[in-house]
Amino acid sequence: MNQPMAIDELVSVAQAEAMGELDAPMMAIVLSSEQSYDLPINSLETDADKARWGLILRAAREHVEADAVAVLYPAWTTIRHKKPEVEAEAASEDIPEAPAGSDDADDSDGPIDTLFVQLHTRDHVYWRGFEQIRDPKHQRIIGFRRIKALSTDYTRDEAPSVTSWLSTLFEPLPEEGEETNVDRELADLLEEPEVSAALYPRQMRALH
């Protein structure tokens, strides 16, 4: 997989999904060698949510033997000193006023409404961040402004702590006879309707 090309394609997908909406959708895309699979994410607000979805995405990745997983999600973000390490919380369903400020989102001092696109591979995390631009009257998303401080490529060991809930995404499968409680939990997660129903190729989703 050509990762730089893949992250650009994922940005296009994420922005197209969000345009005209009141909030950007929260979803993961599991990218196998032959197909890609959508998993809509209902919440990443709490540590428990993130732990659960970290297990779900690991289970899904292992199930289809994928080498990459993308995560697309909106967030309230505070950028401090233009560093890539940020504080981020999943956006609530209440739509706030569009942020005011200059055309350079990197100069914003307060929290802004953002869209994150992350591509996780075995060796790297490709991270792109965008400010959501909204129609002042209807508050629908009409565009995006790239945030330079949140557009960085990392090795997995150097990735910011806000991605730590996906730190086990590429952990190896246990040897036969060494199954753990976590691995049994992973197997159970694959049977959940929201996961099993999502494991269809993107172009086939409309048929199911």
N, C-alpha and C. Protein backbone atom coordinates (compact mmCIF):
# COMPACT_ATOMS: atom_id res chain seq x y z
N MET A 1 0.84 -1.20 0.00
CA MET A 1 0.00 0.00 0.00
C MET A 1 0.87 1.25 0.00
N ASN A 2 0.54 2.18 -0.84
CA ASN A 2 1.24 3.46 -0.88
C ASN A 2 0.63 4.37 0.19
N GLN A 3 1.30 4.48 1.35
CA GLN A 3 0.69 5.18 2.49
C GLN A 3 0.40 6.66 2.22
N PRO A 4 1.35 7.43 1.62
CA PRO A 4 1.03 8.84 1.34
C PRO A 4 -0.18 9.00 0.44
N MET A 5 -0.32 8.11 -0.56
CA MET A 5 -1.49 8.17 -1.41
C MET A 5 -2.74 7.76 -0.64
N ALA A 6 -2.61 6.74 0.22
CA ALA A 6 -3.75 6.25 0.98
C ALA A 6 -4.28 7.32 1.93
N ILE A 7 -3.41 8.05 2.63
CA ILE A 7 -3.88 9.06 3.57
C ILE A 7 -4.59 10.18 2.82
N ASP A 8 -4.11 10.55 1.64
CA ASP A 8 -4.78 11.58 0.85
C ASP A 8 -6.17 11.11 0.41
N GLU A 9 -6.28 9.84 0.03
CA GLU A 9 -7.57 9.30 -0.36
C GLU A 9 -8.53 9.26 0.83
N LEU A 10 -8.01 8.91 2.00
CA LEU A 10 -8.85 8.87 3.19
C LEU A 10 -9.34 10.26 3.59
N VAL A 11 -8.47 11.26 3.42
CA VAL A 11 -8.90 12.64 3.68
C VAL A 11 -10.07 13.01 2.77
N SER A 12 -9.97 12.63 1.51
CA SER A 12 -11.05 12.92 0.56
C SER A 12 -12.34 12.22 0.98
N VAL A 13 -12.23 10.97 1.43
CA VAL A 13 -13.41 10.23 1.89
C VAL A 13 -14.03 10.91 3.11
N ALA A 14 -13.19 11.26 4.08
CA ALA A 14 -13.68 11.86 5.31
C ALA A 14 -14.37 13.19 5.05
N GLN A 15 -13.77 14.02 4.21
CA GLN A 15 -14.35 15.33 3.93
C GLN A 15 -15.63 15.20 3.12
N ALA A 16 -15.67 14.26 2.19
CA ALA A 16 -16.89 14.06 1.41
C ALA A 16 -18.03 13.57 2.29
N GLU A 17 -17.73 12.70 3.26
CA GLU A 17 -18.76 12.21 4.18
C GLU A 17 -19.31 13.32 5.06
N ALA A 18 -18.47 14.32 5.37
CA ALA A 18 -18.87 15.36 6.32
C ALA A 18 -19.52 16.57 5.67
N MET A 19 -19.25 16.82 4.40
CA MET A 19 -19.76 18.04 3.75
C MET A 19 -21.28 18.09 3.80
N GLY A 20 -21.79 19.24 4.22
CA GLY A 20 -23.22 19.46 4.30
C GLY A 20 -23.88 18.92 5.55
N GLU A 21 -23.12 18.25 6.41
CA GLU A 21 -23.67 17.68 7.64
C GLU A 21 -23.49 18.63 8.81
N LEU A 22 -24.26 18.38 9.88
CA LEU A 22 -24.11 19.16 11.10
C LEU A 22 -22.89 18.73 11.89
N ASP A 23 -22.44 17.52 11.70
CA ASP A 23 -21.21 17.06 12.35
C ASP A 23 -20.57 15.99 11.48
N ALA A 24 -19.27 15.90 11.54
CA ALA A 24 -18.55 14.89 10.76
C ALA A 24 -18.81 13.52 11.37
N PRO A 25 -18.99 12.49 10.55
CA PRO A 25 -19.22 11.15 11.09
C PRO A 25 -17.96 10.60 11.75
N MET A 26 -18.17 9.71 12.70
CA MET A 26 -17.07 9.04 13.38
C MET A 26 -17.05 7.60 12.89
N MET A 27 -15.95 7.18 12.27
CA MET A 27 -15.92 5.85 11.69
C MET A 27 -14.49 5.35 11.56
N ALA A 28 -14.40 4.04 11.38
CA ALA A 28 -13.11 3.41 11.08
C ALA A 28 -13.25 2.69 9.75
N ILE A 29 -12.14 2.59 9.03
CA ILE A 29 -12.08 1.84 7.79
C ILE A 29 -10.93 0.86 7.91
N VAL A 30 -11.26 -0.44 7.86
CA VAL A 30 -10.25 -1.48 7.93
C VAL A 30 -9.82 -1.79 6.51
N LEU A 31 -8.53 -1.60 6.22
CA LEU A 31 -8.02 -1.68 4.85
C LEU A 31 -7.22 -2.97 4.66
N SER A 32 -7.87 -3.96 4.02
CA SER A 32 -7.16 -5.19 3.70
C SER A 32 -6.55 -5.06 2.31
N SER A 33 -5.85 -6.08 1.87
CA SER A 33 -5.17 -6.00 0.58
C SER A 33 -6.15 -5.98 -0.59
N GLU A 34 -7.36 -6.51 -0.39
CA GLU A 34 -8.31 -6.61 -1.50
C GLU A 34 -9.52 -5.71 -1.34
N GLN A 35 -9.95 -5.43 -0.12
CA GLN A 35 -11.16 -4.66 0.11
C GLN A 35 -10.95 -3.71 1.29
N SER A 36 -11.90 -2.80 1.48
CA SER A 36 -11.92 -1.99 2.69
C SER A 36 -13.30 -2.11 3.33
N TYR A 37 -13.33 -2.02 4.66
CA TYR A 37 -14.53 -2.29 5.41
C TYR A 37 -14.82 -1.14 6.36
N ASP A 38 -16.08 -0.70 6.40
CA ASP A 38 -16.49 0.41 7.26
C ASP A 38 -16.99 -0.10 8.60
N LEU A 39 -16.62 0.57 9.66
CA LEU A 39 -17.20 0.33 10.98
C LEU A 39 -17.59 1.67 11.59
N PRO A 40 -18.87 2.03 11.55
CA PRO A 40 -19.30 3.27 12.20
C PRO A 40 -19.04 3.20 13.70
N ILE A 41 -18.44 4.24 14.27
CA ILE A 41 -18.13 4.30 15.70
C ILE A 41 -19.16 5.18 16.38
N ASN A 42 -19.80 4.66 17.44
CA ASN A 42 -20.86 5.45 18.08
C ASN A 42 -20.34 6.42 19.12
N SER A 43 -19.18 6.16 19.72
CA SER A 43 -18.66 7.09 20.72
C SER A 43 -17.20 6.79 21.04
N LEU A 44 -16.43 7.87 21.24
CA LEU A 44 -15.07 7.77 21.76
C LEU A 44 -14.88 8.75 22.92
N GLU A 45 -15.96 9.03 23.62
CA GLU A 45 -15.93 10.08 24.65
C GLU A 45 -15.20 9.66 25.91
N THR A 46 -15.27 8.38 26.27
CA THR A 46 -14.69 7.94 27.54
C THR A 46 -13.55 6.97 27.27
N ASP A 47 -12.74 6.74 28.31
CA ASP A 47 -11.67 5.76 28.20
C ASP A 47 -12.24 4.36 27.94
N ALA A 48 -13.41 4.08 28.53
CA ALA A 48 -14.04 2.77 28.31
C ALA A 48 -14.47 2.61 26.85
N ASP A 49 -15.00 3.69 26.25
CA ASP A 49 -15.35 3.66 24.83
C ASP A 49 -14.12 3.35 23.99
N LYS A 50 -13.03 4.06 24.27
CA LYS A 50 -11.82 3.87 23.49
C LYS A 50 -11.24 2.47 23.66
N ALA A 51 -11.28 1.95 24.90
CA ALA A 51 -10.77 0.60 25.13
C ALA A 51 -11.58 -0.43 24.36
N ARG A 52 -12.90 -0.25 24.37
CA ARG A 52 -13.78 -1.19 23.66
C ARG A 52 -13.53 -1.13 22.16
N TRP A 53 -13.46 0.08 21.60
CA TRP A 53 -13.27 0.19 20.17
C TRP A 53 -11.85 -0.19 19.75
N GLY A 54 -10.89 -0.02 20.65
CA GLY A 54 -9.56 -0.52 20.36
C GLY A 54 -9.56 -2.03 20.16
N LEU A 55 -10.33 -2.74 21.01
CA LEU A 55 -10.46 -4.19 20.86
C LEU A 55 -11.23 -4.56 19.60
N ILE A 56 -12.32 -3.82 19.33
CA ILE A 56 -13.11 -4.11 18.14
C ILE A 56 -12.27 -3.96 16.87
N LEU A 57 -11.50 -2.89 16.78
CA LEU A 57 -10.71 -2.65 15.58
C LEU A 57 -9.58 -3.67 15.45
N ARG A 58 -9.00 -4.07 16.58
CA ARG A 58 -7.98 -5.13 16.50
C ARG A 58 -8.61 -6.42 16.00
N ALA A 59 -9.80 -6.75 16.54
CA ALA A 59 -10.48 -7.97 16.12
C ALA A 59 -10.83 -7.93 14.63
N ALA A 60 -11.34 -6.79 14.18
CA ALA A 60 -11.71 -6.65 12.77
C ALA A 60 -10.48 -6.74 11.88
N ARG A 61 -9.40 -6.09 12.29
CA ARG A 61 -8.17 -6.12 11.48
C ARG A 61 -7.64 -7.54 11.36
N GLU A 62 -7.64 -8.27 12.48
CA GLU A 62 -7.16 -9.64 12.45
C GLU A 62 -8.08 -10.53 11.61
N HIS A 63 -9.38 -10.28 11.69
CA HIS A 63 -10.37 -11.10 11.00
C HIS A 63 -10.17 -11.07 9.49
N VAL A 64 -9.83 -9.90 8.95
CA VAL A 64 -9.66 -9.78 7.49
C VAL A 64 -8.19 -9.68 7.10
N GLU A 65 -7.29 -9.89 8.08
CA GLU A 65 -5.84 -9.87 7.84
C GLU A 65 -5.41 -8.55 7.18
N ALA A 66 -5.90 -7.45 7.73
CA ALA A 66 -5.60 -6.13 7.17
C ALA A 66 -4.25 -5.62 7.68
N ASP A 67 -3.60 -4.82 6.86
CA ASP A 67 -2.32 -4.22 7.22
C ASP A 67 -2.46 -2.76 7.64
N ALA A 68 -3.67 -2.21 7.60
CA ALA A 68 -3.86 -0.79 7.96
C ALA A 68 -5.30 -0.57 8.42
N VAL A 69 -5.44 0.39 9.33
CA VAL A 69 -6.76 0.80 9.82
C VAL A 69 -6.78 2.32 9.86
N ALA A 70 -7.83 2.90 9.31
CA ALA A 70 -8.02 4.35 9.35
C ALA A 70 -9.11 4.70 10.35
N VAL A 71 -8.93 5.81 11.03
CA VAL A 71 -9.94 6.31 11.97
C VAL A 71 -10.24 7.76 11.59
N LEU A 72 -11.52 8.06 11.38
CA LEU A 72 -11.98 9.39 11.01
C LEU A 72 -12.93 9.87 12.09
N TYR A 73 -12.64 11.03 12.70
CA TYR A 73 -13.52 11.46 13.79
C TYR A 73 -13.41 12.97 14.03
N PRO A 74 -14.53 13.59 14.46
CA PRO A 74 -14.51 14.99 14.86
C PRO A 74 -14.07 15.11 16.31
N ALA A 75 -13.58 16.27 16.70
CA ALA A 75 -13.16 16.49 18.08
C ALA A 75 -13.07 17.97 18.38
N TRP A 76 -13.24 18.30 19.65
CA TRP A 76 -12.83 19.61 20.16
C TRP A 76 -11.35 19.51 20.45
N THR A 77 -10.56 20.42 19.93
CA THR A 77 -9.10 20.31 20.03
C THR A 77 -8.50 21.62 20.51
N THR A 78 -7.57 21.50 21.45
CA THR A 78 -6.78 22.64 21.89
C THR A 78 -5.36 22.47 21.39
N ILE A 79 -4.87 23.43 20.62
CA ILE A 79 -3.51 23.38 20.10
C ILE A 79 -2.65 24.28 20.99
N ARG A 80 -1.61 23.71 21.57
CA ARG A 80 -0.75 24.47 22.48
C ARG A 80 0.63 24.63 21.88
N HIS A 81 1.04 25.87 21.71
CA HIS A 81 2.39 26.19 21.23
C HIS A 81 2.70 25.52 19.89
N LYS A 82 1.68 25.30 19.11
CA LYS A 82 1.83 24.72 17.77
C LYS A 82 2.55 23.38 17.79
N LYS A 83 2.35 22.61 18.88
CA LYS A 83 2.95 21.29 18.97
C LYS A 83 1.94 20.25 18.50
N PRO A 84 2.39 19.11 17.95
CA PRO A 84 1.45 18.10 17.49
C PRO A 84 0.77 17.36 18.62
N GLU A 85 1.31 17.39 19.85
CA GLU A 85 0.63 16.76 20.97
C GLU A 85 -0.54 17.66 21.38
N VAL A 86 -1.75 17.12 21.41
CA VAL A 86 -2.93 17.93 21.66
C VAL A 86 -3.81 17.27 22.70
N GLU A 87 -4.71 18.08 23.26
CA GLU A 87 -5.78 17.55 24.06
C GLU A 87 -7.00 17.47 23.15
N ALA A 88 -7.64 16.31 23.10
CA ALA A 88 -8.79 16.16 22.20
C ALA A 88 -9.87 15.36 22.90
N GLU A 89 -11.10 15.83 22.76
CA GLU A 89 -12.25 15.12 23.26
C GLU A 89 -13.25 14.97 22.13
N ALA A 90 -13.93 13.83 22.11
CA ALA A 90 -14.92 13.63 21.06
C ALA A 90 -16.00 14.69 21.17
N ALA A 91 -16.40 15.21 20.04
CA ALA A 91 -17.40 16.27 20.03
C ALA A 91 -18.74 15.72 20.46
N SER A 92 -19.51 16.52 21.18
CA SER A 92 -20.85 16.12 21.56
C SER A 92 -21.80 16.32 20.40
N GLU A 93 -23.06 15.90 20.58
CA GLU A 93 -24.03 16.03 19.51
C GLU A 93 -24.53 17.46 19.37
N ASP A 94 -24.30 18.28 20.38
CA ASP A 94 -24.70 19.69 20.30
C ASP A 94 -23.72 20.42 19.40
N ILE A 95 -24.24 21.13 18.41
CA ILE A 95 -23.39 21.81 17.45
C ILE A 95 -23.07 23.21 17.94
N PRO A 96 -21.80 23.53 18.21
CA PRO A 96 -21.44 24.85 18.72
C PRO A 96 -21.36 25.87 17.61
N GLU A 97 -21.16 27.12 18.00
CA GLU A 97 -20.94 28.18 17.01
C GLU A 97 -19.63 27.91 16.28
N ALA A 98 -19.58 28.27 15.03
CA ALA A 98 -18.34 28.10 14.27
C ALA A 98 -17.25 28.97 14.88
N PRO A 99 -16.01 28.47 14.98
CA PRO A 99 -14.95 29.24 15.60
C PRO A 99 -14.58 30.46 14.77
N ALA A 100 -14.29 31.54 15.46
CA ALA A 100 -13.85 32.75 14.77
C ALA A 100 -12.34 32.80 14.80
N GLY A 101 -11.76 33.61 13.94
CA GLY A 101 -10.32 33.74 13.95
C GLY A 101 -9.78 34.01 12.57
N SER A 102 -8.45 33.97 12.46
CA SER A 102 -7.79 34.23 11.19
C SER A 102 -7.89 33.01 10.29
N ASP A 103 -7.35 33.13 9.09
CA ASP A 103 -7.36 32.02 8.15
C ASP A 103 -6.36 30.94 8.53
N ASP A 104 -5.44 31.24 9.43
CA ASP A 104 -4.44 30.26 9.85
C ASP A 104 -4.91 29.60 11.13
N ALA A 105 -5.41 28.34 11.01
CA ALA A 105 -5.95 27.66 12.18
C ALA A 105 -4.89 27.38 13.22
N ASP A 106 -3.61 27.33 12.81
CA ASP A 106 -2.54 27.06 13.76
C ASP A 106 -2.42 28.16 14.81
N ASP A 107 -2.94 29.36 14.53
CA ASP A 107 -2.78 30.47 15.45
C ASP A 107 -3.92 30.57 16.46
N SER A 108 -4.87 29.65 16.41
CA SER A 108 -6.00 29.71 17.32
C SER A 108 -5.55 29.38 18.74
N ASP A 109 -6.00 30.19 19.73
CA ASP A 109 -5.62 29.97 21.11
C ASP A 109 -6.60 29.08 21.85
N GLY A 110 -7.88 29.07 21.45
CA GLY A 110 -8.89 28.30 22.13
C GLY A 110 -9.21 27.02 21.40
N PRO A 111 -10.11 26.20 21.98
CA PRO A 111 -10.49 24.96 21.31
C PRO A 111 -11.24 25.24 20.01
N ILE A 112 -10.98 24.41 19.01
CA ILE A 112 -11.66 24.56 17.73
C ILE A 112 -12.29 23.22 17.35
N ASP A 113 -13.29 23.29 16.48
CA ASP A 113 -13.99 22.11 16.01
C ASP A 113 -13.19 21.51 14.86
N THR A 114 -12.71 20.28 15.02
CA THR A 114 -11.78 19.72 14.06
C THR A 114 -12.29 18.40 13.48
N LEU A 115 -11.63 17.98 12.42
CA LEU A 115 -11.80 16.64 11.85
C LEU A 115 -10.43 16.00 11.80
N PHE A 116 -10.29 14.82 12.39
CA PHE A 116 -9.05 14.07 12.35
C PHE A 116 -9.16 12.91 11.38
N VAL A 117 -8.10 12.69 10.64
CA VAL A 117 -7.97 11.50 9.79
C VAL A 117 -6.65 10.84 10.15
N GLN A 118 -6.72 9.62 10.66
CA GLN A 118 -5.51 8.90 11.06
C GLN A 118 -5.44 7.58 10.30
N LEU A 119 -4.27 7.27 9.78
CA LEU A 119 -4.02 5.99 9.12
C LEU A 119 -2.97 5.26 9.94
N HIS A 120 -3.35 4.13 10.49
CA HIS A 120 -2.45 3.33 11.33
C HIS A 120 -1.96 2.13 10.54
N THR A 121 -0.64 2.01 10.40
CA THR A 121 -0.03 0.83 9.80
C THR A 121 0.85 0.16 10.85
N ARG A 122 1.50 -0.92 10.46
CA ARG A 122 2.32 -1.64 11.44
C ARG A 122 3.49 -0.79 11.95
N ASP A 123 3.98 0.11 11.13
CA ASP A 123 5.17 0.87 11.50
C ASP A 123 4.92 2.35 11.72
N HIS A 124 3.83 2.90 11.19
CA HIS A 124 3.64 4.35 11.20
C HIS A 124 2.19 4.73 11.54
N VAL A 125 2.05 5.96 11.98
CA VAL A 125 0.75 6.61 12.11
C VAL A 125 0.79 7.89 11.29
N TYR A 126 -0.09 7.97 10.32
CA TYR A 126 -0.20 9.16 9.46
C TYR A 126 -1.42 9.94 9.96
N TRP A 127 -1.18 11.20 10.36
CA TRP A 127 -2.21 11.97 11.06
C TRP A 127 -2.42 13.28 10.31
N ARG A 128 -3.69 13.56 9.98
CA ARG A 128 -4.05 14.82 9.35
C ARG A 128 -5.19 15.46 10.15
N GLY A 129 -5.05 16.76 10.39
CA GLY A 129 -6.08 17.47 11.14
C GLY A 129 -6.60 18.67 10.37
N PHE A 130 -7.89 18.91 10.47
CA PHE A 130 -8.53 20.00 9.74
C PHE A 130 -9.53 20.72 10.64
N GLU A 131 -9.58 22.03 10.52
CA GLU A 131 -10.64 22.79 11.17
C GLU A 131 -11.89 22.69 10.31
N GLN A 132 -13.02 22.50 10.97
CA GLN A 132 -14.29 22.46 10.25
C GLN A 132 -14.79 23.89 10.01
N ILE A 133 -15.11 24.19 8.77
CA ILE A 133 -15.66 25.49 8.41
C ILE A 133 -17.17 25.33 8.22
N ARG A 134 -17.95 26.17 8.90
CA ARG A 134 -19.40 26.00 8.90
C ARG A 134 -20.12 27.20 8.32
N ASP A 135 -21.26 26.92 7.75
CA ASP A 135 -22.17 27.97 7.30
C ASP A 135 -22.69 28.70 8.54
N PRO A 136 -22.44 30.01 8.67
CA PRO A 136 -22.84 30.72 9.90
C PRO A 136 -24.33 30.63 10.20
N LYS A 137 -25.15 30.53 9.19
CA LYS A 137 -26.60 30.53 9.40
C LYS A 137 -27.11 29.16 9.84
N HIS A 138 -26.72 28.12 9.13
CA HIS A 138 -27.27 26.78 9.38
C HIS A 138 -26.32 25.86 10.12
N GLN A 139 -25.08 26.30 10.31
CA GLN A 139 -24.06 25.53 11.05
C GLN A 139 -23.70 24.21 10.38
N ARG A 140 -23.97 24.06 9.12
CA ARG A 140 -23.56 22.86 8.41
C ARG A 140 -22.13 23.03 7.89
N ILE A 141 -21.43 21.91 7.75
CA ILE A 141 -20.04 21.93 7.32
C ILE A 141 -19.97 22.26 5.84
N ILE A 142 -19.20 23.30 5.51
CA ILE A 142 -19.09 23.72 4.11
C ILE A 142 -17.65 23.65 3.60
N GLY A 143 -16.71 23.29 4.47
CA GLY A 143 -15.33 23.21 4.02
C GLY A 143 -14.40 22.89 5.18
N PHE A 144 -13.11 22.80 4.86
CA PHE A 144 -12.11 22.45 5.85
C PHE A 144 -10.86 23.28 5.64
N ARG A 145 -10.16 23.56 6.74
CA ARG A 145 -8.89 24.27 6.70
C ARG A 145 -7.84 23.38 7.38
N ARG A 146 -6.80 23.03 6.67
CA ARG A 146 -5.80 22.13 7.22
C ARG A 146 -5.04 22.79 8.37
N ILE A 147 -4.79 22.03 9.42
CA ILE A 147 -4.04 22.49 10.58
C ILE A 147 -2.64 21.89 10.51
N LYS A 148 -1.65 22.72 10.25
CA LYS A 148 -0.30 22.21 10.03
C LYS A 148 0.24 21.47 11.25
N ALA A 149 -0.07 21.97 12.44
CA ALA A 149 0.44 21.34 13.66
C ALA A 149 -0.12 19.95 13.89
N LEU A 150 -1.21 19.62 13.21
CA LEU A 150 -1.83 18.31 13.37
C LEU A 150 -1.75 17.49 12.09
N SER A 151 -0.77 17.75 11.29
CA SER A 151 -0.58 17.01 10.03
C SER A 151 0.85 16.50 10.00
N THR A 152 1.06 15.36 10.64
CA THR A 152 2.40 14.83 10.86
C THR A 152 2.39 13.32 10.68
N ASP A 153 3.53 12.77 10.27
CA ASP A 153 3.71 11.33 10.17
C ASP A 153 4.63 10.89 11.30
N TYR A 154 4.25 9.80 11.99
CA TYR A 154 5.01 9.31 13.13
C TYR A 154 5.35 7.84 12.94
N THR A 155 6.44 7.39 13.56
CA THR A 155 6.59 5.96 13.79
C THR A 155 5.64 5.60 14.92
N ARG A 156 5.26 4.34 15.00
CA ARG A 156 4.29 3.95 16.03
C ARG A 156 4.82 4.24 17.43
N ASP A 157 6.12 4.12 17.65
CA ASP A 157 6.70 4.36 18.97
C ASP A 157 6.68 5.84 19.34
N GLU A 158 6.59 6.72 18.34
CA GLU A 158 6.64 8.16 18.58
C GLU A 158 5.26 8.82 18.52
N ALA A 159 4.21 8.06 18.28
CA ALA A 159 2.88 8.64 18.09
C ALA A 159 2.40 9.32 19.37
N PRO A 160 1.65 10.43 19.27
CA PRO A 160 1.14 11.14 20.45
C PRO A 160 0.29 10.24 21.33
N SER A 161 0.23 10.58 22.60
CA SER A 161 -0.47 9.73 23.57
C SER A 161 -1.96 9.63 23.28
N VAL A 162 -2.54 10.60 22.56
CA VAL A 162 -3.98 10.53 22.28
C VAL A 162 -4.33 9.38 21.35
N THR A 163 -3.31 8.73 20.75
CA THR A 163 -3.57 7.55 19.91
C THR A 163 -3.31 6.25 20.66
N SER A 164 -3.06 6.32 21.98
CA SER A 164 -2.64 5.14 22.72
C SER A 164 -3.74 4.08 22.80
N TRP A 165 -5.00 4.46 22.61
CA TRP A 165 -6.07 3.46 22.64
C TRP A 165 -5.99 2.48 21.47
N LEU A 166 -5.16 2.79 20.48
CA LEU A 166 -4.93 1.88 19.35
C LEU A 166 -3.53 1.27 19.38
N SER A 167 -2.90 1.30 20.53
CA SER A 167 -1.51 0.82 20.63
C SER A 167 -1.41 -0.69 20.42
N THR A 168 -2.50 -1.45 20.65
CA THR A 168 -2.45 -2.91 20.49
C THR A 168 -2.98 -3.36 19.13
N LEU A 169 -3.21 -2.42 18.24
CA LEU A 169 -3.86 -2.74 16.96
C LEU A 169 -3.14 -3.82 16.18
N PHE A 170 -1.82 -3.83 16.26
CA PHE A 170 -1.04 -4.77 15.46
C PHE A 170 -0.28 -5.79 16.31
N GLU A 171 -0.76 -5.99 17.52
CA GLU A 171 -0.12 -7.02 18.34
C GLU A 171 -0.32 -8.38 17.70
N PRO A 172 0.68 -9.26 17.76
CA PRO A 172 0.56 -10.56 17.08
C PRO A 172 -0.48 -11.45 17.74
N LEU A 173 -1.02 -12.35 16.95
CA LEU A 173 -1.96 -13.33 17.48
C LEU A 173 -1.24 -14.27 18.45
N PRO A 174 -1.95 -14.79 19.46
CA PRO A 174 -1.30 -15.73 20.38
C PRO A 174 -1.01 -17.06 19.68
N GLU A 175 0.02 -17.75 20.18
CA GLU A 175 0.30 -19.08 19.67
C GLU A 175 -0.83 -20.02 20.06
N GLU A 176 -1.00 -21.08 19.29
CA GLU A 176 -2.05 -22.05 19.59
C GLU A 176 -1.87 -22.59 21.01
N GLY A 177 -2.95 -22.61 21.77
CA GLY A 177 -2.90 -23.07 23.15
C GLY A 177 -2.57 -21.98 24.14
N GLU A 178 -2.31 -20.73 23.67
CA GLU A 178 -1.96 -19.63 24.55
C GLU A 178 -3.02 -18.54 24.54
N GLU A 179 -4.25 -18.91 24.25
CA GLU A 179 -5.33 -17.94 24.19
C GLU A 179 -5.53 -17.28 25.55
N THR A 180 -5.71 -15.96 25.57
CA THR A 180 -5.88 -15.21 26.80
C THR A 180 -7.32 -14.71 26.92
N ASN A 181 -7.64 -14.12 28.06
CA ASN A 181 -8.97 -13.54 28.24
C ASN A 181 -9.24 -12.45 27.21
N VAL A 182 -8.22 -11.66 26.89
CA VAL A 182 -8.39 -10.61 25.89
C VAL A 182 -8.72 -11.20 24.54
N ASP A 183 -8.06 -12.29 24.17
CA ASP A 183 -8.32 -12.90 22.86
C ASP A 183 -9.71 -13.52 22.81
N ARG A 184 -10.20 -14.05 23.92
CA ARG A 184 -11.57 -14.56 23.94
C ARG A 184 -12.55 -13.41 23.81
N GLU A 185 -12.20 -12.27 24.44
CA GLU A 185 -13.06 -11.09 24.31
C GLU A 185 -13.08 -10.59 22.87
N LEU A 186 -11.93 -10.65 22.20
CA LEU A 186 -11.87 -10.25 20.79
C LEU A 186 -12.79 -11.13 19.95
N ALA A 187 -12.76 -12.43 20.20
CA ALA A 187 -13.62 -13.35 19.44
C ALA A 187 -15.09 -13.03 19.68
N ASP A 188 -15.45 -12.71 20.92
CA ASP A 188 -16.84 -12.36 21.22
C ASP A 188 -17.25 -11.07 20.52
N LEU A 189 -16.33 -10.11 20.44
CA LEU A 189 -16.65 -8.84 19.79
C LEU A 189 -17.00 -9.03 18.32
N LEU A 190 -16.35 -9.98 17.66
CA LEU A 190 -16.63 -10.22 16.24
C LEU A 190 -18.06 -10.71 16.03
N GLU A 191 -18.69 -11.25 17.09
CA GLU A 191 -20.06 -11.74 16.97
C GLU A 191 -21.08 -10.64 17.22
N GLU A 192 -20.64 -9.47 17.70
CA GLU A 192 -21.59 -8.39 17.96
C GLU A 192 -22.18 -7.90 16.64
N PRO A 193 -23.49 -7.64 16.62
CA PRO A 193 -24.15 -7.23 15.37
C PRO A 193 -23.51 -6.00 14.72
N GLU A 194 -23.12 -4.99 15.52
CA GLU A 194 -22.58 -3.77 14.94
C GLU A 194 -21.23 -4.01 14.27
N VAL A 195 -20.52 -5.06 14.71
CA VAL A 195 -19.24 -5.38 14.09
C VAL A 195 -19.43 -6.32 12.90
N SER A 196 -20.16 -7.41 13.09
CA SER A 196 -20.33 -8.37 12.01
C SER A 196 -21.05 -7.75 10.83
N ALA A 197 -22.01 -6.85 11.09
CA ALA A 197 -22.73 -6.20 9.99
C ALA A 197 -21.85 -5.23 9.23
N ALA A 198 -20.82 -4.73 9.89
CA ALA A 198 -19.94 -3.73 9.25
C ALA A 198 -18.86 -4.37 8.39
N LEU A 199 -18.60 -5.67 8.59
CA LEU A 199 -17.49 -6.29 7.89
C LEU A 199 -17.88 -6.71 6.47
N TYR A 200 -18.28 -5.73 5.71
CA TYR A 200 -18.54 -5.90 4.29
C TYR A 200 -17.70 -4.88 3.52
N PRO A 201 -17.30 -5.21 2.28
CA PRO A 201 -16.58 -4.21 1.49
C PRO A 201 -17.41 -2.95 1.32
N ARG A 202 -16.73 -1.80 1.23
CA ARG A 202 -17.43 -0.52 1.13
C ARG A 202 -18.45 -0.51 0.01
N GLN A 203 -18.09 -1.06 -1.17
CA GLN A 203 -19.01 -0.99 -2.30
C GLN A 203 -20.19 -1.94 -2.15
N MET A 204 -20.14 -2.86 -1.18
CA MET A 204 -21.23 -3.81 -0.98
C MET A 204 -22.16 -3.42 0.15
N ARG A 205 -21.82 -2.37 0.89
CA ARG A 205 -22.60 -2.03 2.08
C ARG A 205 -24.07 -1.80 1.76
N ALA A 206 -24.38 -1.21 0.59
CA ALA A 206 -25.76 -0.90 0.23
C ALA A 206 -26.59 -2.16 0.01
N LEU A 207 -25.96 -3.30 -0.17
CA LEU A 207 -26.68 -4.54 -0.46
C LEU A 207 -27.07 -5.29 0.79
N HIS A 208 -26.66 -4.83 1.97
CA HIS A 208 -26.89 -5.59 3.20
C HIS A 208 -27.63 -4.73 4.22
